[in-house]
N, C-alpha and C. Protein backbone atom coordinates (compact mmCIF):
# COMPACT_ATOMS: atom_id res chain seq x y z
N MET A 1 1.50 -18.29 -20.94
CA MET A 1 0.95 -17.44 -19.90
C MET A 1 0.57 -18.32 -18.71
N ASN A 2 0.97 -17.89 -17.55
CA ASN A 2 0.64 -18.56 -16.30
C ASN A 2 -0.71 -18.00 -15.81
N ASN A 3 -1.68 -18.88 -15.58
CA ASN A 3 -3.00 -18.42 -15.13
C ASN A 3 -2.92 -17.66 -13.82
N THR A 4 -1.97 -18.04 -12.96
CA THR A 4 -1.82 -17.33 -11.69
C THR A 4 -1.43 -15.87 -11.94
N SER A 5 -0.52 -15.63 -12.86
CA SER A 5 -0.12 -14.25 -13.18
C SER A 5 -1.29 -13.49 -13.78
N TYR A 6 -2.02 -14.15 -14.66
CA TYR A 6 -3.20 -13.51 -15.27
C TYR A 6 -4.23 -13.16 -14.20
N ASP A 7 -4.54 -14.10 -13.33
CA ASP A 7 -5.53 -13.86 -12.28
C ASP A 7 -5.09 -12.75 -11.34
N ARG A 8 -3.81 -12.73 -11.00
CA ARG A 8 -3.28 -11.68 -10.12
C ARG A 8 -3.39 -10.32 -10.81
N LEU A 9 -3.06 -10.27 -12.11
CA LEU A 9 -3.16 -9.04 -12.87
C LEU A 9 -4.59 -8.52 -12.88
N VAL A 10 -5.55 -9.39 -13.13
CA VAL A 10 -6.96 -8.98 -13.14
C VAL A 10 -7.37 -8.47 -11.75
N ALA A 11 -6.92 -9.13 -10.70
CA ALA A 11 -7.24 -8.69 -9.34
C ALA A 11 -6.66 -7.30 -9.07
N ILE A 12 -5.44 -7.06 -9.52
CA ILE A 12 -4.83 -5.74 -9.32
C ILE A 12 -5.58 -4.70 -10.13
N LEU A 13 -5.95 -5.02 -11.36
CA LEU A 13 -6.73 -4.08 -12.17
C LEU A 13 -8.07 -3.79 -11.52
N GLN A 14 -8.64 -4.77 -10.86
CA GLN A 14 -9.88 -4.54 -10.14
C GLN A 14 -9.65 -3.52 -9.03
N ASP A 15 -8.54 -3.66 -8.31
CA ASP A 15 -8.22 -2.73 -7.22
C ASP A 15 -7.94 -1.32 -7.72
N VAL A 16 -7.14 -1.18 -8.77
CA VAL A 16 -6.68 0.15 -9.19
C VAL A 16 -7.56 0.80 -10.26
N HIS A 17 -8.40 0.00 -10.95
CA HIS A 17 -9.19 0.57 -12.04
C HIS A 17 -10.67 0.20 -11.98
N GLY A 18 -11.04 -0.66 -11.04
CA GLY A 18 -12.44 -0.99 -10.87
C GLY A 18 -13.03 -1.96 -11.88
N VAL A 19 -12.18 -2.66 -12.63
CA VAL A 19 -12.71 -3.65 -13.58
C VAL A 19 -13.11 -4.91 -12.81
N THR A 20 -13.98 -5.67 -13.41
CA THR A 20 -14.37 -6.95 -12.82
C THR A 20 -13.83 -8.06 -13.73
N PRO A 21 -13.69 -9.27 -13.20
CA PRO A 21 -13.24 -10.37 -14.05
C PRO A 21 -14.12 -10.56 -15.28
N GLU A 22 -15.40 -10.23 -15.15
CA GLU A 22 -16.32 -10.35 -16.28
C GLU A 22 -16.00 -9.34 -17.39
N ASP A 23 -15.31 -8.24 -17.04
CA ASP A 23 -14.93 -7.21 -18.01
C ASP A 23 -13.72 -7.63 -18.84
N THR A 24 -13.07 -8.71 -18.44
CA THR A 24 -11.77 -9.03 -19.04
C THR A 24 -11.76 -10.42 -19.67
N THR A 25 -10.91 -10.54 -20.67
CA THR A 25 -10.52 -11.82 -21.25
C THR A 25 -9.01 -11.72 -21.45
N PRO A 26 -8.35 -12.82 -21.73
CA PRO A 26 -6.91 -12.71 -22.01
C PRO A 26 -6.60 -11.78 -23.19
N GLU A 27 -7.53 -11.61 -24.10
CA GLU A 27 -7.29 -10.77 -25.28
C GLU A 27 -7.70 -9.31 -25.09
N THR A 28 -8.23 -8.97 -23.91
CA THR A 28 -8.59 -7.59 -23.61
C THR A 28 -7.33 -6.74 -23.56
N THR A 29 -7.39 -5.55 -24.15
CA THR A 29 -6.25 -4.63 -24.11
C THR A 29 -6.51 -3.54 -23.07
N TYR A 30 -5.47 -2.80 -22.75
CA TYR A 30 -5.63 -1.68 -21.82
C TYR A 30 -6.52 -0.61 -22.44
N HIS A 31 -6.43 -0.45 -23.74
CA HIS A 31 -7.31 0.49 -24.44
C HIS A 31 -8.77 0.08 -24.26
N ASP A 32 -9.05 -1.23 -24.41
CA ASP A 32 -10.42 -1.73 -24.24
C ASP A 32 -10.97 -1.38 -22.86
N LEU A 33 -10.11 -1.39 -21.86
CA LEU A 33 -10.52 -1.12 -20.48
C LEU A 33 -10.54 0.37 -20.14
N GLY A 34 -10.05 1.21 -21.06
CA GLY A 34 -10.01 2.64 -20.79
C GLY A 34 -8.95 3.02 -19.77
N VAL A 35 -7.88 2.24 -19.70
CA VAL A 35 -6.80 2.50 -18.74
C VAL A 35 -6.00 3.72 -19.20
N ASP A 36 -5.81 4.66 -18.28
CA ASP A 36 -5.03 5.86 -18.59
C ASP A 36 -3.62 5.73 -17.99
N SER A 37 -2.80 6.75 -18.23
CA SER A 37 -1.40 6.68 -17.81
C SER A 37 -1.27 6.62 -16.29
N LEU A 38 -2.13 7.28 -15.55
CA LEU A 38 -2.08 7.21 -14.09
C LEU A 38 -2.36 5.79 -13.60
N THR A 39 -3.32 5.13 -14.22
CA THR A 39 -3.63 3.75 -13.85
C THR A 39 -2.47 2.83 -14.16
N VAL A 40 -1.77 3.07 -15.28
CA VAL A 40 -0.59 2.27 -15.62
C VAL A 40 0.47 2.42 -14.53
N VAL A 41 0.68 3.63 -14.07
CA VAL A 41 1.65 3.86 -12.99
C VAL A 41 1.22 3.11 -11.73
N GLU A 42 -0.06 3.22 -11.37
CA GLU A 42 -0.57 2.51 -10.19
C GLU A 42 -0.41 1.00 -10.35
N LEU A 43 -0.68 0.50 -11.55
CA LEU A 43 -0.55 -0.93 -11.82
C LEU A 43 0.89 -1.40 -11.66
N THR A 44 1.84 -0.66 -12.24
CA THR A 44 3.24 -1.06 -12.14
C THR A 44 3.73 -1.00 -10.69
N LEU A 45 3.29 -0.01 -9.95
CA LEU A 45 3.68 0.09 -8.53
C LEU A 45 3.11 -1.07 -7.73
N GLN A 46 1.86 -1.43 -8.00
CA GLN A 46 1.24 -2.54 -7.28
C GLN A 46 1.93 -3.87 -7.61
N LEU A 47 2.27 -4.07 -8.88
CA LEU A 47 2.99 -5.28 -9.27
C LEU A 47 4.35 -5.36 -8.58
N GLN A 48 5.00 -4.22 -8.47
CA GLN A 48 6.30 -4.19 -7.79
C GLN A 48 6.14 -4.52 -6.31
N ARG A 49 5.13 -3.95 -5.67
CA ARG A 49 4.89 -4.22 -4.24
C ARG A 49 4.54 -5.68 -4.00
N GLU A 50 3.64 -6.22 -4.80
CA GLU A 50 3.12 -7.56 -4.55
C GLU A 50 4.04 -8.67 -5.04
N LEU A 51 4.69 -8.45 -6.17
CA LEU A 51 5.47 -9.52 -6.79
C LEU A 51 6.97 -9.27 -6.81
N GLY A 52 7.37 -8.04 -6.49
CA GLY A 52 8.79 -7.72 -6.47
C GLY A 52 9.40 -7.54 -7.84
N ILE A 53 8.57 -7.31 -8.85
CA ILE A 53 9.09 -7.12 -10.22
C ILE A 53 8.97 -5.67 -10.63
N ALA A 54 9.89 -5.23 -11.44
CA ALA A 54 9.87 -3.86 -11.93
C ALA A 54 9.46 -3.86 -13.40
N LEU A 55 8.35 -3.21 -13.69
CA LEU A 55 7.93 -2.99 -15.06
C LEU A 55 8.01 -1.50 -15.33
N GLU A 56 8.47 -1.16 -16.49
CA GLU A 56 8.49 0.24 -16.89
C GLU A 56 7.11 0.61 -17.41
N ASP A 57 6.71 1.85 -17.16
CA ASP A 57 5.39 2.30 -17.61
C ASP A 57 5.22 2.10 -19.11
N ASP A 58 6.30 2.30 -19.88
CA ASP A 58 6.19 2.20 -21.34
C ASP A 58 6.13 0.75 -21.84
N GLU A 59 6.31 -0.22 -20.95
CA GLU A 59 6.14 -1.62 -21.33
C GLU A 59 4.65 -1.99 -21.44
N LEU A 60 3.81 -1.22 -20.78
CA LEU A 60 2.38 -1.48 -20.78
C LEU A 60 1.69 -0.50 -21.72
N THR A 61 1.70 -0.83 -23.00
CA THR A 61 1.11 0.04 -24.01
C THR A 61 -0.38 -0.23 -24.16
N ASP A 62 -1.10 0.71 -24.77
CA ASP A 62 -2.55 0.59 -24.94
C ASP A 62 -2.99 -0.68 -25.64
N ASP A 63 -2.17 -1.15 -26.59
CA ASP A 63 -2.58 -2.30 -27.39
C ASP A 63 -2.08 -3.64 -26.83
N LEU A 64 -1.43 -3.61 -25.68
CA LEU A 64 -0.96 -4.83 -25.04
C LEU A 64 -2.16 -5.56 -24.43
N THR A 65 -2.23 -6.87 -24.66
CA THR A 65 -3.34 -7.64 -24.08
C THR A 65 -2.98 -8.06 -22.66
N LEU A 66 -3.99 -8.46 -21.93
CA LEU A 66 -3.74 -8.94 -20.57
C LEU A 66 -2.93 -10.23 -20.59
N ALA A 67 -3.15 -11.08 -21.60
CA ALA A 67 -2.35 -12.30 -21.73
C ALA A 67 -0.88 -11.96 -21.98
N GLN A 68 -0.63 -10.97 -22.83
CA GLN A 68 0.75 -10.55 -23.08
C GLN A 68 1.38 -9.98 -21.82
N THR A 69 0.59 -9.24 -21.05
CA THR A 69 1.10 -8.69 -19.80
C THR A 69 1.42 -9.81 -18.81
N ALA A 70 0.55 -10.82 -18.72
CA ALA A 70 0.81 -11.96 -17.83
C ALA A 70 2.09 -12.67 -18.25
N SER A 71 2.32 -12.80 -19.55
CA SER A 71 3.56 -13.42 -20.03
C SER A 71 4.77 -12.56 -19.67
N LEU A 72 4.61 -11.25 -19.75
CA LEU A 72 5.69 -10.34 -19.36
C LEU A 72 5.98 -10.48 -17.86
N ILE A 73 4.93 -10.59 -17.06
CA ILE A 73 5.10 -10.81 -15.62
C ILE A 73 5.84 -12.11 -15.37
N ASP A 74 5.44 -13.18 -16.07
CA ASP A 74 6.12 -14.47 -15.91
C ASP A 74 7.60 -14.36 -16.25
N ALA A 75 7.91 -13.64 -17.32
CA ALA A 75 9.31 -13.47 -17.72
C ALA A 75 10.10 -12.69 -16.66
N LYS A 76 9.48 -11.65 -16.12
CA LYS A 76 10.15 -10.86 -15.08
C LYS A 76 10.36 -11.69 -13.81
N LEU A 77 9.37 -12.52 -13.46
CA LEU A 77 9.51 -13.38 -12.28
C LEU A 77 10.61 -14.42 -12.49
N ALA A 78 10.70 -14.98 -13.69
CA ALA A 78 11.75 -15.95 -14.00
C ALA A 78 13.12 -15.29 -13.94
N GLU A 79 13.21 -14.08 -14.45
CA GLU A 79 14.47 -13.32 -14.41
C GLU A 79 14.87 -13.04 -12.96
N LEU A 80 13.89 -12.69 -12.14
CA LEU A 80 14.14 -12.43 -10.72
C LEU A 80 14.63 -13.70 -10.03
N ALA A 81 14.00 -14.84 -10.33
CA ALA A 81 14.40 -16.11 -9.73
C ALA A 81 15.82 -16.51 -10.14
N ARG A 82 16.16 -16.28 -11.42
CA ARG A 82 17.52 -16.59 -11.89
C ARG A 82 18.56 -15.73 -11.19
N SER A 83 18.25 -14.46 -11.02
CA SER A 83 19.23 -13.57 -10.39
C SER A 83 19.38 -13.85 -8.89
N ALA A 84 18.34 -14.44 -8.28
CA ALA A 84 18.40 -14.74 -6.85
C ALA A 84 19.18 -16.02 -6.58
N SER A 85 19.34 -16.86 -7.58
CA SER A 85 20.04 -18.14 -7.35
C SER A 85 21.50 -18.08 -7.71
């Protein structure tokens, strides 16, 4: 997991769901945060706008941790970089 991806994810969650960094750890799940399906949509749209990556809503399940999501973001960014070169 790239700390930059994790930090960006937490910042986006703060914007779209009102969580604070103190509310989160890498092992926090979306269920722990009370994230609903509308917030997942907002999160995926924000990630696409800010990072240029496309995540499907169903990739972000309730039991997915923030660390796992950051790793998924890293993988999508690496895939994007490979396709651009």
